[in-house]
Amino acid sequence: MGIGLLSNGSVVVGEHINNRVSIFDSRGNFVRHVGVGQLSNPRHLFVDSDDNILMADYSNSCIQVFKSDGSLVKTIGAGQVSGPSDVCIDLDGRILVSEAATDRISIF
């Protein structure tokens, strides 16, 4: 669930069933997995202007932010969101999170 593009043209794909994110180069060749062992039922994702991957991590009830090299940058909303299903960043740089479990939108 979810797809995004890195600035170099690589494609970022969220894999809900496999609990990970996969990155493919612009020709479709596999590059790496991201979030293996860290994500639980990931939903949609968003790639920011710095090529960070924001992942709505449904069962862990947070947004996990990864660099495109796979390293974890930070976790957002832990203890504050419930069942996040989508994430994006608005023009003012705020992170918006839709929560399926509570039918609300949280802003960070």
Protein backbone atom coordinates (compact mmCIF):
# COMPACT_ATOMS: atom_id res chain seq x y z
CA MET A 1 0.00 0.00 0.00
CA GLY A 2 1.43 3.33 -1.00
CA ILE A 3 3.92 4.47 -3.59
CA GLY A 4 6.30 7.41 -3.88
CA LEU A 5 9.26 8.70 -5.84
CA LEU A 6 12.72 9.68 -4.66
CA SER A 7 14.49 12.64 -6.26
CA ASN A 8 16.72 10.26 -8.27
CA GLY A 9 13.67 8.62 -9.87
CA SER A 10 13.68 5.53 -7.66
CA VAL A 11 10.26 4.13 -6.77
CA VAL A 12 9.30 3.53 -3.14
CA VAL A 13 6.61 0.89 -2.54
CA GLY A 14 4.91 0.14 0.78
CA GLU A 15 4.31 -3.56 1.37
CA HIS A 16 1.48 -4.03 3.87
CA ILE A 17 1.57 -7.84 3.91
CA ASN A 18 5.39 -8.08 4.12
CA ASN A 19 5.73 -5.31 6.75
CA ARG A 20 8.36 -3.39 4.83
CA VAL A 21 9.08 -0.79 2.19
CA SER A 22 10.86 -1.73 -1.04
CA ILE A 23 12.89 0.63 -3.19
CA PHE A 24 13.45 0.06 -6.91
CA ASP A 25 15.63 2.14 -9.21
CA SER A 26 14.12 4.01 -12.17
CA ARG A 27 14.58 0.89 -14.35
CA GLY A 28 12.68 -1.34 -11.93
CA ASN A 29 15.69 -3.08 -10.40
CA PHE A 30 15.42 -3.89 -6.70
CA VAL A 31 17.65 -1.65 -4.52
CA ARG A 32 16.79 -2.41 -0.87
CA HIS A 33 14.16 -3.10 1.76
CA VAL A 34 13.43 -0.52 4.44
CA GLY A 35 11.80 -1.02 7.84
CA VAL A 36 12.20 -4.79 8.05
CA GLY A 37 11.49 -5.83 11.64
CA GLN A 38 10.35 -2.30 12.51
CA LEU A 39 7.01 -1.97 10.71
CA SER A 40 3.75 -3.71 11.56
CA ASN A 41 0.91 -3.47 9.04
CA PRO A 42 2.27 -0.38 7.29
CA ARG A 43 -0.26 1.56 5.28
CA HIS A 44 0.40 4.51 3.01
CA LEU A 45 3.64 6.45 2.71
CA PHE A 46 4.89 9.89 1.76
CA VAL A 47 8.32 10.89 0.42
CA ASP A 48 9.38 14.37 1.53
CA SER A 49 11.63 16.86 -0.29
CA ASP A 50 14.70 15.45 1.51
CA ASP A 51 13.91 11.91 0.29
CA ASN A 52 12.80 10.82 3.76
CA ILE A 53 10.13 8.13 3.69
CA LEU A 54 7.28 8.70 6.13
CA MET A 55 5.40 5.46 6.74
CA ALA A 56 1.99 5.19 8.41
CA ASP A 57 2.67 2.25 10.72
CA TYR A 58 -0.85 1.05 11.57
CA SER A 59 -0.29 -1.61 14.24
CA ASN A 60 2.57 0.24 15.95
CA SER A 61 0.33 3.36 16.02
CA CYS A 62 2.96 5.82 14.83
CA ILE A 63 4.61 7.34 11.80
CA GLN A 64 8.10 6.01 11.18
CA VAL A 65 10.52 8.16 9.21
CA PHE A 66 13.34 6.47 7.30
CA LYS A 67 16.15 7.79 5.13
CA SER A 68 16.25 6.32 1.66
CA ASP A 69 19.31 4.29 2.76
CA GLY A 70 17.00 2.45 5.18
CA SER A 71 18.11 4.02 8.46
CA LEU A 72 15.45 5.09 10.93
CA VAL A 73 15.38 8.87 11.45
CA LYS A 74 12.59 9.16 14.03
CA THR A 75 9.17 8.04 15.14
CA ILE A 76 6.27 10.52 15.23
CA GLY A 77 3.01 10.29 17.14
CA ALA A 78 3.76 7.28 19.35
CA GLY A 79 1.14 7.34 22.10
CA GLN A 80 -0.74 10.10 20.28
CA VAL A 81 -2.18 8.41 17.20
CA SER A 82 -4.22 5.25 16.83
CA GLY A 83 -4.11 3.13 13.70
CA PRO A 84 -2.60 5.68 11.29
CA SER A 85 -3.59 4.89 7.74
CA ASP A 86 -2.13 7.77 5.72
CA VAL A 87 0.42 10.53 6.07
CA CYS A 88 1.46 13.64 4.15
CA ILE A 89 3.19 16.99 4.67
CA ASP A 90 1.36 20.23 3.91
CA LEU A 91 2.85 23.39 2.37
CA ASP A 92 3.70 24.73 5.84
CA GLY A 93 5.75 21.60 6.68
CA ARG A 94 3.20 20.14 9.08
CA ILE A 95 2.77 16.37 9.11
CA LEU A 96 -0.87 15.31 8.71
CA VAL A 97 -1.88 11.83 9.80
CA SER A 98 -5.25 10.22 9.13
CA GLU A 99 -6.23 7.72 11.80
CA ALA A 100 -8.51 4.86 10.76
CA ALA A 101 -9.02 3.68 14.32
CA THR A 102 -10.39 7.03 15.55
CA ASP A 103 -11.70 8.68 12.36
CA ARG A 104 -9.63 11.80 12.92
CA ILE A 105 -6.68 13.69 11.49
CA SER A 106 -3.74 14.63 13.71
CA ILE A 107 -1.29 17.39 12.86
CA PHE A 108 2.35 17.46 13.98
